[in-house]
C-alpha atoms as a PDB file:
ATOM      1  CA  MET A   1      -0.360  11.188  -5.034  1.00  0.00           C
ATOM      2  CA  ASP A   2      -0.828  12.211  -1.432  1.00  0.00           C
ATOM      3  CA  GLU A   3       2.226  13.853   0.083  1.00  0.00           C
ATOM      4  CA  VAL A   4       3.852  12.189   3.051  1.00  0.00           C
ATOM      5  CA  ASP A   5       3.667  14.382   6.135  1.00  0.00           C
ATOM      6  CA  ASP A   6       6.978  16.006   7.038  1.00  0.00           C
ATOM      7  CA  ARG A   7       7.482  15.185  10.698  1.00  0.00           C
ATOM      8  CA  ALA A   8      10.642  17.277  10.819  1.00  0.00           C
ATOM      9  CA  GLY A   9       9.063  20.223   9.002  1.00  0.00           C
ATOM     10  CA  ALA A  10       9.063  22.470  12.041  1.00  0.00           C
ATOM     11  CA  ALA A  11      12.787  21.936  12.444  1.00  0.00           C
ATOM     12  CA  ARG A  12      13.792  22.552   8.815  1.00  0.00           C
ATOM     13  CA  PRO A  13      16.987  24.549   8.471  1.00  0.00           C
ATOM     14  CA  ALA A  14      16.790  27.884   6.683  1.00  0.00           C
ATOM     15  CA  GLY A  15      16.758  27.448   2.918  1.00  0.00           C
ATOM     16  CA  TYR A  16      15.079  24.037   3.028  1.00  0.00           C
ATOM     17  CA  GLY A  17      12.652  25.102   0.337  1.00  0.00           C
ATOM     18  CA  ASP A  18      15.426  26.432  -1.905  1.00  0.00           C
ATOM     19  CA  GLY A  19      15.415  23.873  -4.743  1.00  0.00           C
ATOM     20  CA  PHE A  20      14.900  20.801  -2.577  1.00  0.00           C
ATOM     21  CA  ASP A  21      11.304  21.432  -1.610  1.00  0.00           C
ATOM     22  CA  ALA A  22      10.195  21.549  -5.239  1.00  0.00           C
ATOM     23  CA  HIS A  23      11.144  17.876  -5.536  1.00  0.00           C
ATOM     24  CA  ARG A  24      10.109  16.683  -2.084  1.00  0.00           C
ATOM     25  CA  ALA A  25       6.801  15.071  -3.161  1.00  0.00           C
ATOM     26  CA  HIS A  26       8.615  13.164  -5.907  1.00  0.00           C
ATOM     27  CA  LEU A  27      11.276  11.955  -3.479  1.00  0.00           C
ATOM     28  CA  GLU A  28       8.640  10.844  -0.976  1.00  0.00           C
ATOM     29  CA  ALA A  29       6.838   8.954  -3.753  1.00  0.00           C
ATOM     30  CA  VAL A  30      10.056   7.172  -4.724  1.00  0.00           C
ATOM     31  CA  ALA A  31      10.977   6.375  -1.127  1.00  0.00           C
ATOM     32  CA  TYR A  32       7.519   5.052  -0.216  1.00  0.00           C
ATOM     33  CA  ARG A  33       7.429   2.746  -3.227  1.00  0.00           C
ATOM     34  CA  LEU A  34      10.903   1.467  -2.428  1.00  0.00           C
ATOM     35  CA  LEU A  35      10.323   0.970   1.304  1.00  0.00           C
ATOM     36  CA  GLY A  36       6.575   0.401   1.731  1.00  0.00           C
ATOM     37  CA  SER A  37       6.672   2.568   4.861  1.00  0.00           C
ATOM     38  CA  ARG A  38       5.715   6.221   5.060  1.00  0.00           C
ATOM     39  CA  ALA A  39       7.734   6.702   8.260  1.00  0.00           C
ATOM     40  CA  GLU A  40      10.871   5.227   6.685  1.00  0.00           C
ATOM     41  CA  ALA A  41      10.224   7.240   3.526  1.00  0.00           C
ATOM     42  CA  GLU A  42      10.124  10.447   5.561  1.00  0.00           C
ATOM     43  CA  ASP A  43      13.388   9.550   7.259  1.00  0.00           C
ATOM     44  CA  ALA A  44      15.047   8.791   3.915  1.00  0.00           C
ATOM     45  CA  VAL A  45      13.958  12.113   2.420  1.00  0.00           C
ATOM     46  CA  GLN A  46      15.122  13.990   5.515  1.00  0.00           C
ATOM     47  CA  GLU A  47      18.525  12.288   5.205  1.00  0.00           C
ATOM     48  CA  ALA A  48      18.590  13.287   1.523  1.00  0.00           C
ATOM     49  CA  TRP A  49      18.000  16.900   2.599  1.00  0.00           C
ATOM     50  CA  LEU A  50      20.957  16.745   4.992  1.00  0.00           C
ATOM     51  CA  ARG A  51      23.206  15.484   2.205  1.00  0.00           C
ATOM     52  CA  TYR A  52      21.869  18.148  -0.135  1.00  0.00           C
ATOM     53  CA  ALA A  53      22.521  20.857   2.451  1.00  0.00           C
ATOM     54  CA  ALA A  54      26.123  19.685   2.798  1.00  0.00           C
ATOM     55  CA  ALA A  55      26.761  19.265  -0.937  1.00  0.00           C
ATOM     56  CA  ASP A  56      28.518  21.639  -3.313  1.00  0.00           C
ATOM     57  CA  ARG A  57      25.451  22.636  -5.330  1.00  0.00           C
ATOM     58  CA  SER A  58      27.525  24.169  -8.117  1.00  0.00           C
ATOM     59  CA  ASP A  59      28.373  20.598  -9.144  1.00  0.00           C
ATOM     60  CA  ILE A  60      24.698  19.547  -9.452  1.00  0.00           C
ATOM     61  CA  ALA A  61      23.527  19.879 -13.057  1.00  0.00           C
ATOM     62  CA  ASP A  62      20.235  17.974 -12.702  1.00  0.00           C
ATOM     63  CA  LEU A  63      18.868  18.541  -9.198  1.00  0.00           C
ATOM     64  CA  ARG A  64      15.888  16.175  -9.530  1.00  0.00           C
ATOM     65  CA  GLY A  65      18.107  13.382 -10.854  1.00  0.00           C
ATOM     66  CA  TRP A  66      20.759  14.005  -8.198  1.00  0.00           C
ATOM     67  CA  LEU A  67      18.204  13.976  -5.377  1.00  0.00           C
ATOM     68  CA  THR A  68      16.533  10.851  -6.762  1.00  0.00           C
ATOM     69  CA  THR A  69      19.881   9.063  -6.828  1.00  0.00           C
ATOM     70  CA  VAL A  70      20.751  10.162  -3.286  1.00  0.00           C
ATOM     71  CA  THR A  71      17.330   9.188  -1.924  1.00  0.00           C
ATOM     72  CA  THR A  72      17.413   5.839  -3.710  1.00  0.00           C
ATOM     73  CA  ARG A  73      20.834   4.990  -2.296  1.00  0.00           C
ATOM     74  CA  ILE A  74      19.594   5.807   1.194  1.00  0.00           C
ATOM     75  CA  CYS A  75      16.571   3.570   0.605  1.00  0.00           C
ATOM     76  CA  LEU A  76      18.812   0.830  -0.743  1.00  0.00           C
ATOM     77  CA  ASP A  77      20.741   0.789   2.542  1.00  0.00           C
ATOM     78  CA  VAL A  78      17.436   0.654   4.450  1.00  0.00           C
ATOM     79  CA  LEU A  79      16.185  -2.223   2.285  1.00  0.00           C
ATOM     80  CA  ARG A  80      19.340  -4.212   2.910  1.00  0.00           C
ATOM     81  CA  SER A  81      19.105  -3.748   6.673  1.00  0.00           C
ATOM     82  CA  ALA A  82      15.349  -4.363   6.600  1.00  0.00           C
ATOM     83  CA  ARG A  83      15.966  -7.923   5.439  1.00  0.00           C
ATOM     84  CA  VAL A  84      17.312  -8.780   8.865  1.00  0.00           C
ATOM     85  CA  ARG A  85      14.575  -6.876  10.714  1.00  0.00           C
ATOM     86  CA  ARG A  86      11.772  -8.446   8.668  1.00  0.00           C
ATOM     87  CA  GLU A  87      13.052 -11.939   9.495  1.00  0.00           C
ATOM     88  CA  ALA A  88      12.380 -11.163  13.167  1.00  0.00           C
ATOM     89  CA  TYR A  89       8.978  -9.590  12.468  1.00  0.00           C
ATOM     90  CA  VAL A  90       6.060 -11.235  14.267  1.00  0.00           C
ATOM     91  CA  GLY A  91       3.677 -12.724  11.703  1.00  0.00           C
ATOM     92  CA  SER A  92       3.266 -11.485   8.135  1.00  0.00           C
ATOM     93  CA  TRP A  93       4.653  -8.105   7.081  1.00  0.00           C
ATOM     94  CA  LEU A  94       2.453  -5.819   4.987  1.00  0.00           C
ATOM     95  CA  PRO A  95       3.226  -2.324   3.702  1.00  0.00           C
ATOM     96  CA  GLU A  96       1.940   0.759   5.472  1.00  0.00           C
ATOM     97  CA  PRO A  97      -1.247   1.754   3.606  1.00  0.00           C
ATOM     98  CA  ILE A  98      -2.062   5.154   2.158  1.00  0.00           C
ATOM     99  CA  VAL A  99      -5.736   5.695   2.985  1.00  0.00           C
ATOM    100  CA  THR A 100      -7.803   8.488   1.462  1.00  0.00           C
ATOM    101  CA  ARG A 101     -11.496   9.190   1.775  1.00  0.00           C
ATOM    102  CA  LEU A 102     -13.892   8.788  -1.107  1.00  0.00           C
ATOM    103  CA  PRO A 103     -15.159  12.036  -2.611  1.00  0.00           C
ATOM    104  CA  SER A 104     -18.453  13.304  -1.224  1.00  0.00           C
ATOM    105  CA  ASP A 105     -20.197  12.691  -4.571  1.00  0.00           C
ATOM    106  CA  TRP A 106     -19.200   9.013  -4.674  1.00  0.00           C
ATOM    107  CA  PRO A 107     -20.131   7.097  -6.739  1.00  0.00           C
ATOM    108  CA  ASP A 108     -19.250   9.358  -9.620  1.00  0.00           C
ATOM    109  CA  PRO A 109     -19.779   7.763 -13.060  1.00  0.00           C
ATOM    110  CA  ALA A 110     -16.745   9.617 -14.342  1.00  0.00           C
ATOM    111  CA  ASP A 111     -14.667   7.793 -11.711  1.00  0.00           C
ATOM    112  CA  ALA A 112     -15.846   4.328 -12.737  1.00  0.00           C
ATOM    113  CA  VAL A 113     -12.667   3.497 -14.614  1.00  0.00           C
ATOM    114  CA  ALA A 114     -10.380   6.047 -13.008  1.00  0.00           C
ATOM    115  CA  ARG A 115      -7.041   4.839 -11.730  1.00  0.00           C
ATOM    116  CA  THR A 116      -4.432   6.696  -9.731  1.00  0.00           C
ATOM    117  CA  ASP A 117      -0.665   6.512  -9.988  1.00  0.00           C
ATOM    118  CA  GLU A 118      -0.515   4.813  -6.603  1.00  0.00           C
ATOM    119  CA  VAL A 119       1.246   1.480  -6.363  1.00  0.00           C
ATOM    120  CA  SER A 120      -1.284  -0.989  -4.989  1.00  0.00           C
ATOM    121  CA  LEU A 121      -0.793  -2.665  -1.647  1.00  0.00           C
ATOM    122  CA  ALA A 122      -0.725  -6.001  -3.476  1.00  0.00           C
ATOM    123  CA  LEU A 123       2.133  -4.878  -5.716  1.00  0.00           C
ATOM    124  CA  LEU A 124       4.089  -3.444  -2.782  1.00  0.00           C
ATOM    125  CA  THR A 125       3.721  -6.805  -1.044  1.00  0.00           C
ATOM    126  CA  VAL A 126       5.131  -8.566  -4.108  1.00  0.00           C
ATOM    127  CA  LEU A 127       8.012  -6.088  -4.327  1.00  0.00           C
ATOM    128  CA  GLU A 128       8.941  -7.050  -0.772  1.00  0.00           C
ATOM    129  CA  ARG A 129       9.990 -10.475  -2.097  1.00  0.00           C
ATOM    130  CA  LEU A 130      12.536  -9.002  -4.506  1.00  0.00           C
ATOM    131  CA  SER A 131      16.164  -8.329  -3.754  1.00  0.00           C
ATOM    132  CA  PRO A 132      16.856  -4.687  -2.853  1.00  0.00           C
ATOM    133  CA  GLU A 133      18.642  -4.165  -6.172  1.00  0.00           C
ATOM    134  CA  GLN A 134      15.792  -5.696  -8.181  1.00  0.00           C
ATOM    135  CA  ARG A 135      13.257  -3.557  -6.375  1.00  0.00           C
ATOM    136  CA  VAL A 136      15.229  -0.388  -7.053  1.00  0.00           C
ATOM    137  CA  ALA A 137      15.630  -1.205 -10.744  1.00  0.00           C
ATOM    138  CA  PHE A 138      11.935  -2.067 -11.145  1.00  0.00           C
ATOM    139  CA  VAL A 139      10.548   0.920  -9.246  1.00  0.00           C
ATOM    140  CA  LEU A 140      12.835   3.484 -10.845  1.00  0.00           C
ATOM    141  CA  HIS A 141      12.370   2.215 -14.392  1.00  0.00           C
ATOM    142  CA  ASP A 142       8.839   0.780 -14.512  1.00  0.00           C
ATOM    143  CA  VAL A 143       7.163   3.248 -12.144  1.00  0.00           C
ATOM    144  CA  PHE A 144       9.194   6.451 -12.603  1.00  0.00           C
ATOM    145  CA  ALA A 145      10.664   5.894 -16.096  1.00  0.00           C
ATOM    146  CA  VAL A 146      14.223   6.551 -14.947  1.00  0.00           C
ATOM    147  CA  PRO A 147      16.695   5.610 -17.743  1.00  0.00           C
ATOM    148  CA  PHE A 148      18.814   2.520 -17.181  1.00  0.00           C
ATOM    149  CA  ASP A 149      22.066   4.463 -17.367  1.00  0.00           C
ATOM    150  CA  GLU A 150      20.966   6.502 -14.327  1.00  0.00           C
ATOM    151  CA  ILE A 151      19.806   3.342 -12.535  1.00  0.00           C
ATOM    152  CA  ALA A 152      23.177   1.727 -13.240  1.00  0.00           C
ATOM    153  CA  THR A 153      24.925   4.728 -11.694  1.00  0.00           C
ATOM    154  CA  THR A 154      22.669   4.562  -8.633  1.00  0.00           C
ATOM    155  CA  LEU A 155      23.352   0.843  -8.161  1.00  0.00           C
ATOM    156  CA  ASP A 156      27.034   1.160  -9.087  1.00  0.00           C
ATOM    157  CA  THR A 157      26.676  -1.445 -11.811  1.00  0.00           C
ATOM    158  CA  THR A 158      26.534  -1.696 -15.598  1.00  0.00           C
ATOM    159  CA  VAL A 159      23.569  -0.733 -17.760  1.00  0.00           C
ATOM    160  CA  ALA A 160      23.221  -4.353 -18.861  1.00  0.00           C
ATOM    161  CA  ALA A 161      23.123  -5.531 -15.243  1.00  0.00           C
ATOM    162  CA  ALA A 162      20.542  -2.886 -14.371  1.00  0.00           C
ATOM    163  CA  ARG A 163      18.362  -4.048 -17.270  1.00  0.00           C
ATOM    164  CA  GLN A 164      18.671  -7.636 -16.075  1.00  0.00           C
ATOM    165  CA  LEU A 165      17.693  -6.694 -12.523  1.00  0.00           C
ATOM    166  CA  ALA A 166      14.570  -4.920 -13.781  1.00  0.00           C
ATOM    167  CA  SER A 167      13.742  -7.820 -16.098  1.00  0.00           C
ATOM    168  CA  ARG A 168      13.945 -10.357 -13.268  1.00  0.00           C
ATOM    169  CA  ALA A 169      11.792  -8.138 -11.070  1.00  0.00           C
ATOM    170  CA  ARG A 170       9.263  -7.684 -13.870  1.00  0.00           C
ATOM    171  CA  ARG A 171       9.108 -11.442 -14.339  1.00  0.00           C
ATOM    172  CA  ALA A 172       8.524 -11.971 -10.610  1.00  0.00           C
ATOM    173  CA  VAL A 173       5.699  -9.432 -10.664  1.00  0.00           C
ATOM    174  CA  ALA A 174       4.185 -11.096 -13.737  1.00  0.00           C
ATOM    175  CA  ASP A 175       4.423 -14.546 -12.139  1.00  0.00           C
ATOM    176  CA  SER A 176       2.615 -13.257  -9.048  1.00  0.00           C
ATOM    177  CA  GLY A 177      -0.423 -12.382 -11.154  1.00  0.00           C
ATOM    178  CA  VAL A 178      -0.889  -9.099  -9.311  1.00  0.00           C
ATOM    179  CA  ARG A 179      -1.135  -7.119 -12.552  1.00  0.00           C
ATOM    180  CA  ARG A 180      -4.129  -9.215 -13.630  1.00  0.00           C
ATOM    181  CA  HIS A 181      -5.936  -8.364 -10.414  1.00  0.00           C
ATOM    182  CA  SER A 182      -6.542  -4.729 -11.272  1.00  0.00           C
ATOM    183  CA  ALA A 183     -10.290  -4.354 -11.702  1.00  0.00           C
ATOM    184  CA  ASP A 184     -11.629  -0.858 -12.311  1.00  0.00           C
ATOM    185  CA  ARG A 185     -13.375   0.873  -9.458  1.00  0.00           C
ATOM    186  CA  ALA A 186     -16.871   0.138 -10.741  1.00  0.00           C
ATOM    187  CA  GLU A 187     -16.149  -3.600 -10.557  1.00  0.00           C
ATOM    188  CA  GLN A 188     -14.399  -3.167  -7.215  1.00  0.00           C
ATOM    189  CA  GLN A 189     -17.467  -1.379  -5.895  1.00  0.00           C
ATOM    190  CA  ARG A 190     -19.894  -4.099  -7.030  1.00  0.00           C
ATOM    191  CA  VAL A 191     -17.728  -6.867  -5.615  1.00  0.00           C
ATOM    192  CA  LEU A 192     -17.099  -5.120  -2.307  1.00  0.00           C
ATOM    193  CA  ALA A 193     -20.794  -4.291  -1.886  1.00  0.00           C
ATOM    194  CA  ALA A 194     -21.657  -7.962  -2.423  1.00  0.00           C
ATOM    195  CA  PHE A 195     -18.898  -8.946  -0.001  1.00  0.00           C
ATOM    196  CA  MET A 196     -20.194  -6.589   2.696  1.00  0.00           C
ATOM    197  CA  ALA A 197     -23.779  -7.747   2.234  1.00  0.00           C
ATOM    198  CA  ALA A 198     -22.852 -11.423   2.546  1.00  0.00           C
ATOM    199  CA  ALA A 199     -20.348 -11.046   5.376  1.00  0.00           C
ATOM    200  CA  GLY A 200     -22.571  -8.649   7.291  1.00  0.00           C
ATOM    201  CA  SER A 201     -25.582 -10.977   7.135  1.00  0.00           C
ATOM    202  CA  GLY A 202     -23.644 -14.176   7.823  1.00  0.00           C
ATOM    203  CA  ASP A 203     -24.457 -15.555   4.371  1.00  0.00           C
ATOM    204  CA  LEU A 204     -21.812 -18.247   3.798  1.00  0.00           C
ATOM    205  CA  ASP A 205     -23.020 -19.158   0.307  1.00  0.00           C
ATOM    206  CA  GLY A 206     -23.156 -15.507  -0.714  1.00  0.00           C
ATOM    207  CA  LEU A 207     -19.631 -14.968   0.570  1.00  0.00           C
ATOM    208  CA  LEU A 208     -18.333 -18.056  -1.212  1.00  0.00           C
ATOM    209  CA  ALA A 209     -19.811 -16.695  -4.440  1.00  0.00           C
ATOM    210  CA  VAL A 210     -17.748 -13.517  -4.239  1.00  0.00           C
ATOM    211  CA  LEU A 211     -14.451 -15.199  -3.268  1.00  0.00           C
ATOM    212  CA  ALA A 212     -12.086 -16.721  -5.808  1.00  0.00           C
ATOM    213  CA  PRO A 213     -11.083 -20.371  -5.206  1.00  0.00           C
ATOM    214  CA  GLU A 214      -7.457 -19.374  -4.552  1.00  0.00           C
ATOM    215  CA  VAL A 215      -8.263 -16.402  -2.285  1.00  0.00           C
ATOM    216  CA  VAL A 216      -5.774 -15.612   0.494  1.00  0.00           C
ATOM    217  CA  VAL A 217      -6.146 -13.466   3.613  1.00  0.00           C
ATOM    218  CA  THR A 218      -2.931 -11.969   4.990  1.00  0.00           C
ATOM    219  CA  GLY A 219      -2.912 -10.079   8.281  1.00  0.00           C
ATOM    220  CA  ASP A 220      -0.281  -7.808   9.813  1.00  0.00           C
ATOM    221  CA  GLY A 221      -0.571  -7.129  13.525  1.00  0.00           C
ATOM    222  CA  GLY A 222       3.116  -6.576  14.158  1.00  0.00           C
ATOM    223  CA  GLY A 223       2.834  -8.683  17.303  1.00  0.00           C
ATOM    224  CA  VAL A 224       0.408  -6.102  18.732  1.00  0.00           C
ATOM    225  CA  GLY A 225      -2.792  -6.211  16.696  1.00  0.00           C
ATOM    226  CA  PRO A 226      -4.882  -9.429  16.716  1.00  0.00           C
ATOM    227  CA  ALA A 227      -3.984 -10.552  13.210  1.00  0.00           C
ATOM    228  CA  THR A 228      -3.612 -14.127  12.035  1.00  0.00           C
ATOM    229  CA  ARG A 229       0.125 -14.861  11.986  1.00  0.00           C
ATOM    230  CA  THR A 230      -0.055 -17.136   8.951  1.00  0.00           C
ATOM    231  CA  PRO A 231      -2.077 -16.472   5.797  1.00  0.00           C
ATOM    232  CA  VAL A 232      -5.504 -18.108   5.500  1.00  0.00           C
ATOM    233  CA  THR A 233      -5.933 -19.783   2.117  1.00  0.00           C
ATOM    234  CA  GLY A 234      -8.782 -21.344   0.173  1.00  0.00           C
ATOM    235  CA  ARG A 235     -12.315 -20.093  -0.372  1.00  0.00           C
ATOM    236  CA  LEU A 236     -14.087 -22.068   2.368  1.00  0.00           C
ATOM    237  CA  ARG A 237     -11.473 -21.422   5.049  1.00  0.00           C
ATOM    238  CA  VAL A 238     -11.330 -17.741   4.146  1.00  0.00           C
ATOM    239  CA  ALA A 239     -15.125 -17.426   4.149  1.00  0.00           C
ATOM    240  CA  ARG A 240     -15.418 -18.976   7.600  1.00  0.00           C
ATOM    241  CA  PHE A 241     -12.549 -16.843   8.890  1.00  0.00           C
ATOM    242  CA  LEU A 242     -14.122 -13.625   7.582  1.00  0.00           C
ATOM    243  CA  LEU A 243     -17.564 -14.505   8.917  1.00  0.00           C
ATOM    244  CA  GLY A 244     -15.964 -14.986  12.316  1.00  0.00           C
ATOM    245  CA  LEU A 245     -14.420 -11.521  12.100  1.00  0.00           C
ATOM    246  CA  PHE A 246     -17.740  -9.946  11.146  1.00  0.00           C
ATOM    247  CA  ARG A 247     -19.606 -11.764  13.920  1.00  0.00           C
ATOM    248  CA  GLN A 248     -17.085 -10.483  16.441  1.00  0.00           C
ATOM    249  CA  ALA A 249     -17.408  -6.953  15.059  1.00  0.00           C
ATOM    250  CA  ALA A 250     -21.226  -7.166  15.246  1.00  0.00           C
ATOM    251  CA  ARG A 251     -21.051  -7.984  18.962  1.00  0.00           C
ATOM    252  CA  ASN A 252     -19.358  -4.642  19.561  1.00  0.00           C
ATOM    253  CA  GLU A 253     -19.708  -1.068  18.333  1.00  0.00           C
ATOM    254  CA  THR A 254     -18.186  -1.131  14.835  1.00  0.00           C
ATOM    255  CA  VAL A 255     -18.099   1.361  11.967  1.00  0.00           C
ATOM    256  CA  ALA A 256     -16.829   0.224   8.560  1.00  0.00           C
ATOM    257  CA  GLU A 257     -16.233   2.939   5.972  1.00  0.00           C
ATOM    258  CA  PRO A 258     -15.322   2.441   2.291  1.00  0.00           C
ATOM    259  CA  VAL A 259     -12.073   4.235   1.476  1.00  0.00           C
ATOM    260  CA  LEU A 260      -9.319   4.195  -1.087  1.00  0.00           C
ATOM    261  CA  VAL A 261      -6.321   2.117  -0.036  1.00  0.00           C
ATOM    262  CA  ASN A 262      -3.355   2.958  -2.270  1.00  0.00           C
ATOM    263  CA  GLY A 263      -5.834   3.953  -4.952  1.00  0.00           C
ATOM    264  CA  ASP A 264      -8.076   0.868  -4.766  1.00  0.00           C
ATOM    265  CA  LEU A 265     -11.392   0.491  -2.970  1.00  0.00           C
ATOM    266  CA  GLY A 266     -11.032  -0.923   0.530  1.00  0.00           C
ATOM    267  CA  LEU A 267     -12.431  -0.658   4.036  1.00  0.00           C
ATOM    268  CA  LEU A 268     -11.512   1.290   7.133  1.00  0.00           C
ATOM    269  CA  ALA A 269     -13.056  -0.244  10.249  1.00  0.00           C
ATOM    270  CA  GLU A 270     -13.044   0.786  13.884  1.00  0.00           C
ATOM    271  CA  THR A 271     -14.415  -1.407  16.692  1.00  0.00           C
ATOM    272  CA  THR A 272     -14.941  -0.146  20.228  1.00  0.00           C
ATOM    273  CA  TYR A 273     -15.168  -2.803  22.934  1.00  0.00           C
ATOM    274  CA  PRO A 274     -17.138  -2.546  26.193  1.00  0.00           C
ATOM    275  CA  ASN A 275     -13.917  -1.903  28.119  1.00  0.00           C
ATOM    276  CA  GLY A 276     -13.270   1.175  25.981  1.00  0.00           C
ATOM    277  CA  GLN A 277     -10.463  -0.319  23.926  1.00  0.00           C
ATOM    278  CA  THR A 278     -10.519   0.421  20.205  1.00  0.00           C
ATOM    279  CA  LEU A 279      -9.344  -1.787  17.367  1.00  0.00           C
ATOM    280  CA  ARG A 280      -8.631  -0.208  13.994  1.00  0.00           C
ATOM    281  CA  LEU A 281      -8.318  -2.112  10.743  1.00  0.00           C
ATOM    282  CA  VAL A 282      -7.567  -1.263   7.132  1.00  0.00           C
ATOM    283  CA  MET A 283      -8.720  -3.959   4.741  1.00  0.00           C
ATOM    284  CA  ALA A 284      -7.452  -3.940   1.149  1.00  0.00           C
ATOM    285  CA  PHE A 285      -8.565  -6.244  -1.656  1.00  0.00           C
ATOM    286  CA  THR A 286      -7.488  -7.473  -5.047  1.00  0.00           C
ATOM    287  CA  VAL A 287     -10.297  -8.242  -7.473  1.00  0.00           C
ATOM    288  CA  ALA A 288     -10.297 -10.163 -10.751  1.00  0.00           C
ATOM    289  CA  ASP A 289     -13.178 -11.469 -12.873  1.00  0.00           C
ATOM    290  CA  GLY A 290     -15.771 -10.298 -10.381  1.00  0.00           C
ATOM    291  CA  ARG A 291     -14.260 -12.077  -7.376  1.00  0.00           C
ATOM    292  CA  ILE A 292     -11.921 -11.246  -4.526  1.00  0.00           C
ATOM    293  CA  THR A 293      -8.556 -12.947  -4.960  1.00  0.00           C
ATOM    294  CA  ALA A 294      -6.737 -11.553  -1.925  1.00  0.00           C
ATOM    295  CA  VAL A 295      -7.499  -9.684   1.300  1.00  0.00           C
ATOM    296  CA  TYR A 296      -4.880  -7.683   3.202  1.00  0.00           C
ATOM    297  CA  ASP A 297      -5.691  -6.851   6.834  1.00  0.00           C
ATOM    298  CA  GLN A 298      -3.516  -4.156   8.384  1.00  0.00           C
ATOM    299  CA  LEU A 299      -3.945  -4.047  12.182  1.00  0.00           C
ATOM    300  CA  ASN A 300      -0.488  -2.931  13.275  1.00  0.00           C
ATOM    301  CA  PRO A 301      -1.163   0.341  15.183  1.00  0.00           C
ATOM    302  CA  ALA A 302       2.224   1.745  14.182  1.00  0.00           C
ATOM    303  CA  LYS A 303       1.255   1.465  10.510  1.00  0.00           C
ATOM    304  CA  LEU A 304      -2.150   3.067  11.064  1.00  0.00           C
ATOM    305  CA  ALA A 305      -0.923   6.239  12.780  1.00  0.00           C
ATOM    306  CA  ARG A 306      -1.583   8.383   9.688  1.00  0.00           C
ATOM    307  CA  VAL A 307      -4.892   6.750   8.801  1.00  0.00           C
ATOM    308  CA  PRO A 308      -7.934   9.002   9.409  1.00  0.00           C
ATOM    309  CA  ARG A 309     -10.606   8.072  11.932  1.00  0.00           C
ATOM    310  CA  THR A 310     -13.779   6.472  10.632  1.00  0.00           C
ATOM    311  CA  GLU A 311     -16.784   8.647   9.882  1.00  0.00           C
ATOM    312  CA  PRO A 312     -20.133   6.878  10.546  1.00  0.00           C
ATOM    313  CA  ALA A 313     -21.893   9.066   7.960  1.00  0.00           C
ATOM    314  CA  ARG A 314     -19.689   7.514   5.270  1.00  0.00           C
ATOM    315  CA  ALA A 315     -20.287   3.911   6.294  1.00  0.00           C
ATOM    316  CA  ALA A 316     -22.758   2.972   3.529  1.00  0.00           C
ATOM    317  CA  LEU A 317     -21.486   1.042   0.520  1.00  0.00           C
ATOM    318  CA  THR A 318     -23.851   0.329  -2.358  1.00  0.00           C
ATOM    319  CA  PRO A 319     -23.176  -1.117  -5.802  1.00  0.00           C
ATOM    320  CA  PRO A 320     -23.296   1.241  -8.781  1.00  0.00           C
ATOM    321  CA  PRO A 321     -25.979   0.823 -11.452  1.00  0.00           C
ATOM    322  CA  GLY A 322     -25.397  -2.080 -13.770  1.00  0.00           C
ATOM    323  CA  PRO A 323     -25.348  -5.881 -13.782  1.00  0.00           C
ATOM    324  CA  PRO A 324     -24.271  -7.605 -10.564  1.00  0.00           C
ATOM    325  CA  ALA A 325     -20.715  -8.839 -10.318  1.00  0.00           C
END
């Protein structure tokens, strides 16, 4: 996975790379999946470094395991405090996306069914509904294959209780249906191309055809970006809402580029208004059975700070060879 930038890198104490740095990418991966925020993940890993620097290293038999436990406990404290902060959050809260550009030879037939080890934005959103302890047990065991005895130690509980926490989390994820909405990239590409063609041309019927009946649009503006503060549900309402967004974008200078959002195909859009103001948007999708089941609009500028700028030359999106979705 992509490494999280180390904001404090320039100020690292001497010896930072001695042992710790070899595990930094792993720790950042754990922290991001637990917190859904790259900035908070960086802070958690930096705090783990401080504890590592102050520890008696002769007592550490398994450095990776020790650092994972320390980082997880730091994240657990953040998750518990985040509950209060999220209650005061303006509108819906979505995770901070990890956006990467498509390779220059896209579409590549060899990539048609490729998947990354990223946790999708949809799954991170579901994990946000779990208790902090359930989220820790699920992420450590189901994503990173950490044994339950180590998870129990991290959570200061019994192995049986740790298993139960993971089981309840797994059931919540299963009930959400997010695992079923994991189309391969070839299907994602066909569906998104049809979506862009319909939305871009104002074709309501065409847009309805590519949206699932239960589709939901969730926006996160953080009280700053112009996102809808409550989710938009239902195919017709969503279609009209999206057509309105595309009409507004068409009235201004807009570039929409296909990108990977947490490993799935999505859109990076940038609109420049006549007054010079710029609006940036990352749009993520879940796709199942050839239709879009959910749309996640991230407009909070604070969560887009690490997202690359759009490149007009990459704005085209065409379906791969094969039958239409």
